[in-house]
Amino acid sequence: MISRQKYPEYLLKLRAQKEFYQLSDEEFTDLTADIKFRLYPKGQILFDQDDQRKHFYYLLKGIVRVERFDMNGDASFYEYVSMNHGFPYRGLFVDDNYAYSVRSMTEILVADLPMDKFETEIKSNLAMMKNIVVEMEAIISQDEDHLQHMVTSSASERVLYSIYLMGAKLGKLDENEHLRIDYPVNINELADVSATTRETASKVVSKLQQAGYLSYSHKQFTFLKHIDENNLSLIK
């Protein structure tokens, strides 16, 4: 439970994000009148696939994973959302239910907004709508690339692309100007998101280390050389 005394601090942070800074003070106050700031531990399910789509979340701290399941209950798609991003964008204005589940992969802090208010504000603010469309286009483009690699690539290339994508989405520059993923990624998780075996994922990570592309210590990736997403087959 987050004290109401912290709300002004979090509201200021939310106000500065690209999805909200175009709003007038009156519009922002109206949108956030029923806002809740929530702190969740690692492993918390925020919502399940097919739950009623009542909430829009903005991630102020931590990492969540999007998980979509097939008719057999097997996970068929994974995606990560890092801090200072909102979700879910899929289904805006058209869907009654969530298209996927979301799980916290670290301790997270989220702003929880009523979905109907969020959608109403988008409709009435052209600048906000433009930023939402740009954000959605980036998500769609990245998802299309992801699916293409998952369908057409070898198992090793899928692992390579998953590592590249994690770096692009979750990585931050460290004191040596190297991209580092502070979130601990174990080999089993890497295998899951790459739709392959633990053995294959482990071999790819070892090869990348030997070739000087990255280090993997305490389950954390640090990128020492750039991985070109368009030439994954050239990395041996």
C-alpha atoms as a PDB file:
ATOM      1  CA  MET A   1       0.000   0.000   0.000  1.00  0.00           C
ATOM      2  CA  ILE A   2       1.384   3.376  -1.026  1.00  0.00           C
ATOM      3  CA  SER A   3       0.739   6.344   1.218  1.00  0.00           C
ATOM      4  CA  ARG A   4      -1.304   9.197  -0.240  1.00  0.00           C
ATOM      5  CA  GLN A   5       1.525  11.465   0.856  1.00  0.00           C
ATOM      6  CA  LYS A   6       3.610  10.017  -2.018  1.00  0.00           C
ATOM      7  CA  TYR A   7       0.956  10.740  -4.657  1.00  0.00           C
ATOM      8  CA  PRO A   8       2.054  14.334  -5.482  1.00  0.00           C
ATOM      9  CA  GLU A   9       5.597  13.090  -6.200  1.00  0.00           C
ATOM     10  CA  TYR A  10       4.373  10.307  -8.474  1.00  0.00           C
ATOM     11  CA  LEU A  11       1.843  12.549 -10.202  1.00  0.00           C
ATOM     12  CA  LEU A  12       4.612  14.988 -11.104  1.00  0.00           C
ATOM     13  CA  LYS A  13       6.646  12.165 -12.591  1.00  0.00           C
ATOM     14  CA  LEU A  14       3.649  10.893 -14.545  1.00  0.00           C
ATOM     15  CA  ARG A  15       2.823  14.423 -15.739  1.00  0.00           C
ATOM     16  CA  ALA A  16       6.263  14.685 -17.373  1.00  0.00           C
ATOM     17  CA  GLN A  17       5.834  11.562 -19.528  1.00  0.00           C
ATOM     18  CA  LYS A  18       5.171  12.014 -23.251  1.00  0.00           C
ATOM     19  CA  GLU A  19       1.691  10.488 -23.045  1.00  0.00           C
ATOM     20  CA  PHE A  20       0.552  13.135 -20.552  1.00  0.00           C
ATOM     21  CA  TYR A  21       2.547  16.348 -20.823  1.00  0.00           C
ATOM     22  CA  GLN A  22       0.318  17.780 -23.588  1.00  0.00           C
ATOM     23  CA  LEU A  23      -2.699  17.755 -21.286  1.00  0.00           C
ATOM     24  CA  SER A  24      -3.863  20.950 -19.652  1.00  0.00           C
ATOM     25  CA  ASP A  25      -3.789  21.040 -15.861  1.00  0.00           C
ATOM     26  CA  GLU A  26      -7.560  20.632 -15.852  1.00  0.00           C
ATOM     27  CA  GLU A  27      -7.435  17.637 -18.208  1.00  0.00           C
ATOM     28  CA  PHE A  28      -4.652  15.954 -16.228  1.00  0.00           C
ATOM     29  CA  THR A  29      -6.477  16.525 -12.944  1.00  0.00           C
ATOM     30  CA  ASP A  30      -9.655  15.028 -14.395  1.00  0.00           C
ATOM     31  CA  LEU A  31      -7.814  12.027 -15.855  1.00  0.00           C
ATOM     32  CA  THR A  32      -6.006  11.243 -12.603  1.00  0.00           C
ATOM     33  CA  ALA A  33      -8.899  11.914 -10.213  1.00  0.00           C
ATOM     34  CA  ASP A  34      -9.302   8.169  -9.584  1.00  0.00           C
ATOM     35  CA  ILE A  35      -5.679   7.144 -10.063  1.00  0.00           C
ATOM     36  CA  LYS A  36      -4.077   4.536  -7.821  1.00  0.00           C
ATOM     37  CA  PHE A  37      -0.326   4.062  -7.410  1.00  0.00           C
ATOM     38  CA  ARG A  38       0.498   0.463  -6.608  1.00  0.00           C
ATOM     39  CA  LEU A  39       3.677  -1.335  -5.597  1.00  0.00           C
ATOM     40  CA  TYR A  40       3.825  -5.023  -6.544  1.00  0.00           C
ATOM     41  CA  PRO A  41       6.426  -7.713  -5.821  1.00  0.00           C
ATOM     42  CA  LYS A  42       8.155  -9.816  -8.464  1.00  0.00           C
ATOM     43  CA  GLY A  43       5.849 -12.476  -9.885  1.00  0.00           C
ATOM     44  CA  GLN A  44       2.596 -10.539  -9.452  1.00  0.00           C
ATOM     45  CA  ILE A  45      -0.037 -11.070 -12.162  1.00  0.00           C
ATOM     46  CA  LEU A  46      -1.528  -7.664 -12.956  1.00  0.00           C
ATOM     47  CA  PHE A  47      -4.194  -9.124 -15.207  1.00  0.00           C
ATOM     48  CA  ASP A  48      -4.869 -12.317 -17.097  1.00  0.00           C
ATOM     49  CA  GLN A  49      -5.633 -12.816 -20.761  1.00  0.00           C
ATOM     50  CA  ASP A  50      -9.410 -12.401 -21.330  1.00  0.00           C
ATOM     51  CA  ASP A  51      -9.963 -10.451 -18.086  1.00  0.00           C
ATOM     52  CA  GLN A  52     -12.232  -7.449 -18.528  1.00  0.00           C
ATOM     53  CA  ARG A  53     -10.188  -4.501 -19.824  1.00  0.00           C
ATOM     54  CA  LYS A  54     -10.783  -1.965 -17.055  1.00  0.00           C
ATOM     55  CA  HIS A  55      -7.318  -0.555 -16.308  1.00  0.00           C
ATOM     56  CA  PHE A  56      -4.521   1.220 -18.134  1.00  0.00           C
ATOM     57  CA  TYR A  57      -1.159   1.018 -16.374  1.00  0.00           C
ATOM     58  CA  TYR A  58       1.896   3.220 -16.562  1.00  0.00           C
ATOM     59  CA  LEU A  59       5.118   1.628 -15.331  1.00  0.00           C
ATOM     60  CA  LEU A  60       7.127   4.017 -13.163  1.00  0.00           C
ATOM     61  CA  LYS A  61       9.608   1.448 -11.858  1.00  0.00           C
ATOM     62  CA  GLY A  62      10.669  -2.070 -12.807  1.00  0.00           C
ATOM     63  CA  ILE A  63       9.927  -4.485 -15.652  1.00  0.00           C
ATOM     64  CA  VAL A  64       6.867  -6.488 -16.638  1.00  0.00           C
ATOM     65  CA  ARG A  65       6.466  -9.308 -19.134  1.00  0.00           C
ATOM     66  CA  VAL A  66       3.567  -9.663 -21.551  1.00  0.00           C
ATOM     67  CA  GLU A  67       2.496 -13.278 -22.057  1.00  0.00           C
ATOM     68  CA  ARG A  68      -0.005 -14.527 -24.638  1.00  0.00           C
ATOM     69  CA  PHE A  69      -1.327 -18.083 -24.440  1.00  0.00           C
ATOM     70  CA  ASP A  70      -2.771 -20.399 -27.092  1.00  0.00           C
ATOM     71  CA  MET A  71      -5.886 -22.566 -26.778  1.00  0.00           C
ATOM     72  CA  ASN A  72      -3.872 -25.292 -25.020  1.00  0.00           C
ATOM     73  CA  GLY A  73      -2.696 -22.882 -22.349  1.00  0.00           C
ATOM     74  CA  ASP A  74       0.871 -22.790 -23.659  1.00  0.00           C
ATOM     75  CA  ALA A  75       2.650 -19.434 -23.862  1.00  0.00           C
ATOM     76  CA  SER A  76       2.970 -18.473 -27.530  1.00  0.00           C
ATOM     77  CA  PHE A  77       4.356 -14.933 -27.293  1.00  0.00           C
ATOM     78  CA  TYR A  78       6.480 -12.947 -24.850  1.00  0.00           C
ATOM     79  CA  GLU A  79       7.299  -9.264 -24.734  1.00  0.00           C
ATOM     80  CA  TYR A  80       8.871  -6.999 -22.119  1.00  0.00           C
ATOM     81  CA  VAL A  81       7.811  -3.528 -21.002  1.00  0.00           C
ATOM     82  CA  SER A  82      10.321  -1.336 -19.196  1.00  0.00           C
ATOM     83  CA  MET A  83       9.811   1.665 -16.937  1.00  0.00           C
ATOM     84  CA  ASN A  84       8.326   4.887 -18.309  1.00  0.00           C
ATOM     85  CA  HIS A  85       6.051   3.002 -20.688  1.00  0.00           C
ATOM     86  CA  GLY A  86       2.326   2.332 -20.579  1.00  0.00           C
ATOM     87  CA  PHE A  87       0.277  -0.793 -21.258  1.00  0.00           C
ATOM     88  CA  PRO A  88      -1.898  -2.236 -22.644  1.00  0.00           C
ATOM     89  CA  TYR A  89      -2.261  -0.328 -25.899  1.00  0.00           C
ATOM     90  CA  ARG A  90      -3.730  -3.259 -27.750  1.00  0.00           C
ATOM     91  CA  GLY A  91      -7.514  -3.141 -27.813  1.00  0.00           C
ATOM     92  CA  LEU A  92      -7.938   0.601 -27.307  1.00  0.00           C
ATOM     93  CA  PHE A  93     -11.539   1.595 -28.166  1.00  0.00           C
ATOM     94  CA  VAL A  94     -12.426  -1.826 -29.582  1.00  0.00           C
ATOM     95  CA  ASP A  95     -11.837  -4.713 -27.145  1.00  0.00           C
ATOM     96  CA  ASP A  96     -13.723  -5.592 -23.982  1.00  0.00           C
ATOM     97  CA  ASN A  97     -11.047  -7.963 -22.697  1.00  0.00           C
ATOM     98  CA  TYR A  98      -7.268  -8.032 -22.376  1.00  0.00           C
ATOM     99  CA  ALA A  99      -5.514  -9.828 -25.238  1.00  0.00           C
ATOM    100  CA  TYR A 100      -2.695 -11.077 -23.009  1.00  0.00           C
ATOM    101  CA  SER A 101      -1.512 -11.504 -19.429  1.00  0.00           C
ATOM    102  CA  VAL A 102       1.041  -9.287 -17.697  1.00  0.00           C
ATOM    103  CA  ARG A 103       3.417 -10.417 -14.954  1.00  0.00           C
ATOM    104  CA  SER A 104       5.914  -8.379 -12.927  1.00  0.00           C
ATOM    105  CA  MET A 105       9.476  -9.602 -13.431  1.00  0.00           C
ATOM    106  CA  THR A 106      10.897  -7.324 -10.734  1.00  0.00           C
ATOM    107  CA  GLU A 107       9.362  -5.248  -7.981  1.00  0.00           C
ATOM    108  CA  ILE A 108       7.289  -2.654  -9.838  1.00  0.00           C
ATOM    109  CA  LEU A 109       5.573   0.668  -9.236  1.00  0.00           C
ATOM    110  CA  VAL A 110       2.605   1.384 -11.498  1.00  0.00           C
ATOM    111  CA  ALA A 111       0.064   4.134 -11.990  1.00  0.00           C
ATOM    112  CA  ASP A 112      -3.353   2.513 -12.388  1.00  0.00           C
ATOM    113  CA  LEU A 113      -5.835   4.571 -14.446  1.00  0.00           C
ATOM    114  CA  PRO A 114      -9.447   3.728 -15.335  1.00  0.00           C
ATOM    115  CA  MET A 115      -9.392   2.593 -18.969  1.00  0.00           C
ATOM    116  CA  ASP A 116     -12.594   4.419 -19.891  1.00  0.00           C
ATOM    117  CA  LYS A 117     -11.188   7.741 -18.665  1.00  0.00           C
ATOM    118  CA  PHE A 118      -7.911   7.151 -20.475  1.00  0.00           C
ATOM    119  CA  GLU A 119      -9.705   6.428 -23.754  1.00  0.00           C
ATOM    120  CA  THR A 120     -11.997   9.442 -23.349  1.00  0.00           C
ATOM    121  CA  GLU A 121      -9.004  11.733 -22.830  1.00  0.00           C
ATOM    122  CA  ILE A 122      -7.268  10.358 -25.933  1.00  0.00           C
ATOM    123  CA  LYS A 123     -10.339  11.114 -28.047  1.00  0.00           C
ATOM    124  CA  SER A 124     -10.487  14.711 -26.878  1.00  0.00           C
ATOM    125  CA  ASN A 125      -6.779  15.568 -27.157  1.00  0.00           C
ATOM    126  CA  LEU A 126      -5.224  15.391 -30.626  1.00  0.00           C
ATOM    127  CA  ALA A 127      -1.621  15.796 -29.403  1.00  0.00           C
ATOM    128  CA  MET A 128      -2.051  12.976 -26.887  1.00  0.00           C
ATOM    129  CA  MET A 129      -3.616  10.778 -29.567  1.00  0.00           C
ATOM    130  CA  LYS A 130      -0.676  11.450 -31.901  1.00  0.00           C
ATOM    131  CA  ASN A 131       1.830  10.344 -29.252  1.00  0.00           C
ATOM    132  CA  ILE A 132      -0.218   7.226 -28.514  1.00  0.00           C
ATOM    133  CA  VAL A 133      -0.307   6.354 -32.231  1.00  0.00           C
ATOM    134  CA  VAL A 134       3.474   6.815 -32.481  1.00  0.00           C
ATOM    135  CA  GLU A 135       3.958   4.551 -29.452  1.00  0.00           C
ATOM    136  CA  MET A 136       1.630   1.919 -30.896  1.00  0.00           C
ATOM    137  CA  GLU A 137       3.403   2.032 -34.270  1.00  0.00           C
ATOM    138  CA  ALA A 138       6.739   1.385 -32.555  1.00  0.00           C
ATOM    139  CA  ILE A 139       5.251  -1.565 -30.665  1.00  0.00           C
ATOM    140  CA  ILE A 140       3.668  -3.029 -33.815  1.00  0.00           C
ATOM    141  CA  SER A 141       6.865  -2.634 -35.826  1.00  0.00           C
ATOM    142  CA  GLN A 142       8.957  -4.327 -33.153  1.00  0.00           C
ATOM    143  CA  ASP A 143       6.403  -7.110 -32.731  1.00  0.00           C
ATOM    144  CA  GLU A 144       6.363  -7.758 -36.482  1.00  0.00           C
ATOM    145  CA  ASP A 145      10.161  -8.035 -36.518  1.00  0.00           C
ATOM    146  CA  HIS A 146      10.003 -10.304 -33.486  1.00  0.00           C
ATOM    147  CA  LEU A 147       7.446 -12.631 -35.074  1.00  0.00           C
ATOM    148  CA  GLN A 148       9.369 -12.736 -38.344  1.00  0.00           C
ATOM    149  CA  HIS A 149      12.516 -13.842 -36.533  1.00  0.00           C
ATOM    150  CA  MET A 150      10.582 -16.413 -34.509  1.00  0.00           C
ATOM    151  CA  VAL A 151       9.066 -17.947 -37.645  1.00  0.00           C
ATOM    152  CA  THR A 152      11.926 -17.805 -40.151  1.00  0.00           C
ATOM    153  CA  SER A 153      15.087 -18.065 -38.072  1.00  0.00           C
ATOM    154  CA  SER A 154      17.041 -21.009 -36.745  1.00  0.00           C
ATOM    155  CA  ALA A 155      16.910 -21.723 -33.012  1.00  0.00           C
ATOM    156  CA  SER A 156      20.321 -20.090 -32.495  1.00  0.00           C
ATOM    157  CA  GLU A 157      19.257 -16.946 -34.349  1.00  0.00           C
ATOM    158  CA  ARG A 158      16.067 -16.775 -32.287  1.00  0.00           C
ATOM    159  CA  VAL A 159      18.190 -16.739 -29.143  1.00  0.00           C
ATOM    160  CA  LEU A 160      20.434 -14.060 -30.637  1.00  0.00           C
ATOM    161  CA  TYR A 161      17.426 -11.932 -31.536  1.00  0.00           C
ATOM    162  CA  SER A 162      15.900 -12.361 -28.082  1.00  0.00           C
ATOM    163  CA  ILE A 163      19.146 -11.146 -26.504  1.00  0.00           C
ATOM    164  CA  TYR A 164      19.285  -8.221 -28.928  1.00  0.00           C
ATOM    165  CA  LEU A 165      15.652  -7.331 -28.188  1.00  0.00           C
ATOM    166  CA  MET A 166      16.162  -7.494 -24.434  1.00  0.00           C
ATOM    167  CA  GLY A 167      19.102  -5.135 -24.800  1.00  0.00           C
ATOM    168  CA  ALA A 168      17.075  -2.731 -26.935  1.00  0.00           C
ATOM    169  CA  LYS A 169      14.101  -2.732 -24.571  1.00  0.00           C
ATOM    170  CA  LEU A 170      15.651  -3.183 -21.145  1.00  0.00           C
ATOM    171  CA  GLY A 171      19.289  -2.108 -21.461  1.00  0.00           C
ATOM    172  CA  LYS A 172      20.850   1.039 -20.034  1.00  0.00           C
ATOM    173  CA  LEU A 173      24.333   2.443 -20.496  1.00  0.00           C
ATOM    174  CA  ASP A 174      26.687   1.754 -17.600  1.00  0.00           C
ATOM    175  CA  GLU A 175      29.705   3.766 -16.449  1.00  0.00           C
ATOM    176  CA  ASN A 176      31.770   2.253 -19.294  1.00  0.00           C
ATOM    177  CA  GLU A 177      29.187   3.203 -21.938  1.00  0.00           C
ATOM    178  CA  HIS A 178      28.247  -0.448 -22.347  1.00  0.00           C
ATOM    179  CA  LEU A 179      24.627  -1.450 -22.630  1.00  0.00           C
ATOM    180  CA  ARG A 180      23.660  -3.477 -19.570  1.00  0.00           C
ATOM    181  CA  ILE A 181      20.463  -5.254 -18.576  1.00  0.00           C
ATOM    182  CA  ASP A 182      20.139  -4.840 -14.816  1.00  0.00           C
ATOM    183  CA  TYR A 183      17.242  -7.275 -14.766  1.00  0.00           C
ATOM    184  CA  PRO A 184      18.539 -10.825 -14.066  1.00  0.00           C
ATOM    185  CA  VAL A 185      17.781 -13.119 -17.022  1.00  0.00           C
ATOM    186  CA  ASN A 186      18.338 -16.807 -16.393  1.00  0.00           C
ATOM    187  CA  ILE A 187      19.017 -19.256 -19.206  1.00  0.00           C
ATOM    188  CA  ASN A 188      15.649 -20.984 -18.804  1.00  0.00           C
ATOM    189  CA  GLU A 189      13.806 -17.709 -19.359  1.00  0.00           C
ATOM    190  CA  LEU A 190      15.956 -16.907 -22.382  1.00  0.00           C
ATOM    191  CA  ALA A 191      15.124 -20.352 -23.796  1.00  0.00           C
ATOM    192  CA  ASP A 192      11.396 -19.818 -23.188  1.00  0.00           C
ATOM    193  CA  VAL A 193      11.208 -16.454 -24.948  1.00  0.00           C
ATOM    194  CA  SER A 194      13.281 -17.869 -27.832  1.00  0.00           C
ATOM    195  CA  ALA A 195      11.111 -20.987 -28.208  1.00  0.00           C
ATOM    196  CA  THR A 196      14.061 -23.335 -27.893  1.00  0.00           C
ATOM    197  CA  THR A 197      15.878 -25.528 -25.396  1.00  0.00           C
ATOM    198  CA  ARG A 198      17.995 -24.496 -22.444  1.00  0.00           C
ATOM    199  CA  GLU A 199      20.970 -26.226 -24.064  1.00  0.00           C
ATOM    200  CA  THR A 200      20.699 -24.149 -27.244  1.00  0.00           C
ATOM    201  CA  ALA A 201      20.276 -20.895 -25.318  1.00  0.00           C
ATOM    202  CA  SER A 202      23.289 -21.711 -23.148  1.00  0.00           C
ATOM    203  CA  LYS A 203      25.456 -22.508 -26.194  1.00  0.00           C
ATOM    204  CA  VAL A 204      24.568 -19.215 -27.880  1.00  0.00           C
ATOM    205  CA  VAL A 205      25.375 -17.200 -24.751  1.00  0.00           C
ATOM    206  CA  SER A 206      28.728 -19.014 -24.444  1.00  0.00           C
ATOM    207  CA  LYS A 207      29.590 -18.305 -28.097  1.00  0.00           C
ATOM    208  CA  LEU A 208      28.723 -14.619 -27.698  1.00  0.00           C
ATOM    209  CA  GLN A 209      30.935 -14.410 -24.632  1.00  0.00           C
ATOM    210  CA  GLN A 210      33.819 -16.137 -26.410  1.00  0.00           C
ATOM    211  CA  ALA A 211      33.441 -13.797 -29.408  1.00  0.00           C
ATOM    212  CA  GLY A 212      33.519 -10.752 -27.150  1.00  0.00           C
ATOM    213  CA  TYR A 213      29.980  -9.564 -27.829  1.00  0.00           C
ATOM    214  CA  LEU A 214      28.798  -9.708 -24.237  1.00  0.00           C
ATOM    215  CA  SER A 215      29.484 -10.762 -20.698  1.00  0.00           C
ATOM    216  CA  TYR A 216      27.017 -12.753 -18.629  1.00  0.00           C
ATOM    217  CA  SER A 217      27.600 -12.546 -14.897  1.00  0.00           C
ATOM    218  CA  HIS A 218      25.146 -13.032 -12.021  1.00  0.00           C
ATOM    219  CA  LYS A 219      22.430 -13.556 -14.666  1.00  0.00           C
ATOM    220  CA  GLN A 220      23.001 -10.068 -16.087  1.00  0.00           C
ATOM    221  CA  PHE A 221      23.936  -9.274 -19.678  1.00  0.00           C
ATOM    222  CA  THR A 222      26.425  -6.541 -20.579  1.00  0.00           C
ATOM    223  CA  PHE A 223      26.858  -5.835 -24.296  1.00  0.00           C
ATOM    224  CA  LEU A 224      30.503  -5.253 -25.215  1.00  0.00           C
ATOM    225  CA  LYS A 225      29.963  -5.048 -28.983  1.00  0.00           C
ATOM    226  CA  HIS A 226      26.953  -4.120 -31.081  1.00  0.00           C
ATOM    227  CA  ILE A 227      24.712  -6.972 -32.228  1.00  0.00           C
ATOM    228  CA  ASP A 228      23.252  -6.217 -35.672  1.00  0.00           C
ATOM    229  CA  GLU A 229      19.675  -7.492 -35.771  1.00  0.00           C
ATOM    230  CA  ASN A 230      19.812  -7.680 -39.572  1.00  0.00           C
ATOM    231  CA  ASN A 231      22.923  -9.888 -39.702  1.00  0.00           C
ATOM    232  CA  LEU A 232      22.436 -12.379 -36.895  1.00  0.00           C
ATOM    233  CA  SER A 233      23.587 -15.267 -39.075  1.00  0.00           C
ATOM    234  CA  LEU A 234      27.029 -13.638 -39.372  1.00  0.00           C
ATOM    235  CA  ILE A 235      27.630 -13.850 -35.624  1.00  0.00           C
ATOM    236  CA  LYS A 236      29.400 -17.093 -34.823  1.00  0.00           C
END
